[in-house]
Protein backbone atom coordinates (compact mmCIF):
# COMPACT_ATOMS: atom_id res chain seq x y z
CA MET A 1 95.00 5.45 -96.67
CA ALA A 2 97.98 6.08 -94.39
CA THR A 3 98.48 3.87 -91.37
CA LYS A 4 97.48 5.58 -88.16
CA MET A 5 99.70 5.52 -85.10
CA LYS A 6 98.58 4.18 -81.75
CA THR A 7 100.65 4.41 -78.58
CA ILE A 8 100.64 1.92 -75.75
CA ILE A 9 102.36 2.46 -72.42
CA LEU A 10 102.91 -0.59 -70.25
CA MET A 11 103.58 0.19 -66.59
CA ARG A 12 104.10 -1.97 -63.57
CA HIS A 13 102.45 -0.70 -60.40
CA ALA A 14 104.66 1.16 -57.94
CA LYS A 15 106.29 -0.42 -54.86
CA ALA A 16 103.70 -1.95 -52.56
CA GLU A 17 103.74 -3.04 -48.96
CA HIS A 18 104.67 -6.66 -48.34
CA GLY A 19 101.81 -9.10 -48.13
CA ASN A 20 101.08 -10.95 -44.92
CA PHE A 21 98.32 -12.99 -43.35
CA GLU A 22 96.37 -9.84 -42.45
CA ILE A 23 96.48 -8.23 -45.92
CA SER A 24 95.54 -10.06 -49.09
CA ASP A 25 97.72 -9.60 -52.17
CA PHE A 26 94.83 -7.78 -53.84
CA ASP A 27 94.57 -5.25 -50.98
CA ARG A 28 98.26 -4.34 -50.69
CA LYS A 29 98.78 -0.55 -50.73
CA LEU A 30 101.63 1.52 -52.10
CA THR A 31 104.50 2.41 -49.79
CA GLU A 32 105.58 6.04 -49.47
CA LYS A 33 108.54 5.20 -51.72
CA GLY A 34 106.09 3.66 -54.18
CA LYS A 35 104.01 6.84 -54.28
CA SER A 36 107.15 8.93 -54.81
CA ASP A 37 108.46 6.59 -57.54
CA ALA A 38 105.10 6.63 -59.34
CA ASP A 39 105.07 10.42 -59.26
CA PHE A 40 108.63 10.54 -60.64
CA ALA A 41 107.73 8.01 -63.34
CA ALA A 42 104.72 10.13 -64.36
CA LYS A 43 106.89 13.25 -64.60
CA THR A 44 109.44 11.32 -66.69
CA LEU A 45 106.67 10.04 -68.94
CA MET A 46 105.32 13.57 -69.43
CA LYS A 47 108.59 14.59 -71.10
CA LYS A 48 107.82 12.29 -74.06
CA VAL A 49 104.06 11.70 -73.99
CA LYS A 50 101.88 14.80 -74.01
CA LYS A 51 98.45 13.21 -73.71
CA ILE A 52 97.01 9.94 -72.43
CA ASP A 53 93.45 9.23 -73.54
CA LEU A 54 92.73 6.30 -71.24
CA ILE A 55 94.24 4.55 -68.22
CA VAL A 56 93.46 0.85 -67.92
CA THR A 57 94.37 -0.76 -64.61
CA SER A 58 93.89 -3.90 -62.65
CA SER A 59 91.45 -3.37 -59.80
CA ALA A 60 94.05 -4.23 -57.12
CA LYS A 61 94.65 -1.34 -54.70
CA ARG A 62 98.31 -0.82 -55.66
CA THR A 63 97.58 -0.56 -59.38
CA LEU A 64 94.60 1.74 -58.83
CA LYS A 65 96.69 4.10 -56.70
CA THR A 66 99.51 4.07 -59.28
CA ALA A 67 96.94 4.87 -61.99
CA LYS A 68 95.55 7.75 -59.93
CA ILE A 69 99.03 9.24 -59.52
CA ILE A 70 99.50 9.08 -63.30
CA ALA A 71 96.07 10.67 -63.80
CA GLU A 72 96.86 13.52 -61.39
CA ASN A 73 100.11 14.32 -63.18
CA PHE A 74 98.50 14.27 -66.64
CA ASP A 75 95.35 16.05 -65.39
CA ILE A 76 93.20 13.15 -66.57
CA ASP A 77 89.61 12.97 -65.37
CA LYS A 78 88.84 10.01 -63.06
CA ASN A 79 86.25 8.68 -65.54
CA LYS A 80 89.15 7.94 -67.93
CA ILE A 81 90.53 5.36 -65.48
CA GLN A 82 89.11 1.97 -66.38
CA SER A 83 89.56 -0.62 -63.62
CA ILE A 84 89.33 -4.18 -64.94
CA ASN A 85 89.23 -7.20 -62.59
CA GLU A 86 90.23 -9.57 -65.39
CA ILE A 87 93.78 -8.19 -65.72
CA TYR A 88 94.65 -8.94 -62.11
CA GLU A 89 96.80 -12.11 -62.24
CA ALA A 90 95.96 -12.39 -65.95
CA SER A 91 97.75 -13.83 -68.93
CA SER A 92 98.75 -11.67 -71.87
CA ASP A 93 95.54 -12.80 -73.62
CA ALA A 94 93.48 -10.70 -71.21
CA TYR A 95 95.60 -7.62 -71.94
CA VAL A 96 95.33 -8.24 -75.69
CA HIS A 97 91.54 -8.55 -75.38
CA VAL A 98 91.37 -5.20 -73.55
CA LEU A 99 93.54 -3.46 -76.16
CA ARG A 100 91.58 -4.89 -79.08
CA SER A 101 88.33 -3.59 -77.57
CA LEU A 102 89.45 0.06 -77.31
CA ASN A 103 87.55 2.80 -79.15
CA ASP A 104 89.66 3.96 -82.10
CA GLU A 105 88.10 7.41 -82.22
CA LYS A 106 88.56 8.18 -78.53
CA VAL A 107 91.80 6.36 -77.68
CA LYS A 108 95.07 7.04 -79.50
CA THR A 109 97.28 6.63 -76.42
CA VAL A 110 96.57 4.19 -73.61
CA ILE A 111 98.50 3.25 -70.48
CA ILE A 112 97.99 -0.13 -68.87
CA VAL A 113 99.01 -0.33 -65.22
CA GLY A 114 99.45 -3.98 -64.36
CA HIS A 115 101.40 -6.69 -62.62
CA ASN A 116 104.41 -8.86 -63.27
CA PRO A 117 105.07 -11.27 -64.78
CA THR A 118 102.56 -10.43 -67.53
CA ILE A 119 103.18 -6.69 -67.92
CA GLY A 120 106.95 -7.25 -68.02
CA ALA A 121 106.62 -10.13 -70.47
CA MET A 122 104.53 -8.01 -72.81
CA ALA A 123 107.09 -5.18 -72.62
CA ALA A 124 109.87 -7.65 -73.36
CA ILE A 125 108.12 -8.99 -76.46
CA LEU A 126 107.15 -5.56 -77.76
CA SER A 127 110.71 -4.28 -77.25
CA GLY A 128 112.19 -7.35 -78.94
CA ASN A 129 114.02 -8.55 -75.82
CA GLU A 130 113.68 -12.05 -74.44
CA ILE A 131 113.92 -10.79 -70.88
CA ILE A 132 113.38 -7.32 -69.52
CA GLU A 133 113.66 -6.31 -65.87
CA PHE A 134 110.39 -4.62 -65.05
CA LYS A 135 110.72 -3.34 -61.48
CA PRO A 136 107.91 -1.50 -59.69
CA SER A 137 107.16 1.88 -61.41
CA SER A 138 108.89 0.76 -64.60
CA PHE A 139 107.23 1.65 -67.85
CA ALA A 140 107.82 1.29 -71.58
CA VAL A 141 106.22 3.33 -74.36
CA PHE A 142 105.58 1.84 -77.79
CA ASN A 143 104.33 3.35 -81.04
CA LEU A 144 102.27 0.92 -83.08
CA SER A 145 101.68 1.30 -86.81
CA ILE A 146 98.10 0.04 -86.81
CA ASP A 147 94.88 1.50 -88.15
CA THR A 148 92.66 0.11 -85.41
CA TRP A 149 93.11 -1.38 -81.96
CA LYS A 150 91.48 -4.57 -83.28
CA MET A 151 94.73 -5.08 -85.25
CA PHE A 152 96.88 -5.19 -82.10
CA ARG A 153 99.26 -8.15 -81.85
CA ILE A 154 102.08 -8.81 -79.39
CA VAL A 155 104.96 -8.37 -81.81
CA LYS A 156 108.01 -6.13 -81.82
CA ALA A 157 107.03 -2.45 -81.89
CA GLU A 158 108.84 0.90 -81.91
CA ASN A 159 110.01 1.50 -78.32
CA ILE A 160 110.25 5.27 -77.87
CA LEU A 161 110.90 5.45 -74.12
CA SER A 162 111.58 3.13 -71.21
CA HIS A 163 112.02 3.93 -67.52
CA THR A 164 113.19 1.79 -64.63
CA PRO A 165 113.65 3.42 -61.22
């Protein structure tokens, strides 16, 4: 049986307003530049990736809004955005758990919209770099030669596209 290909897109949320005593980190919204950068990132992503089956995002406001901008560009139904509290301020283990639990029949390509330092660290490991600058709205696309999502490991993968604004 031939190995099936899975695609994972790791994306850092777009530029958010600065936190202060009145706004919690969780509730920070995207700036206008952030919205514009997320839209540009989505359009750049569309040149290489034709279909996204699922968007997984932290439940923080800035990641949710970034995910919605991606969904609008790819014409993805809102019910294919999965907001997960556990990946807000999470370690890579939480991301791995999410990926390993994906439905193999329904999800061939997934985008995770998350936060630094974890999302950037995962992109660095998958790309084979020790350090990778993962600014807001940055993303990296990886093809994985795995039969099932349960087989996912954080090891070097085929990086087919990266974008940093």
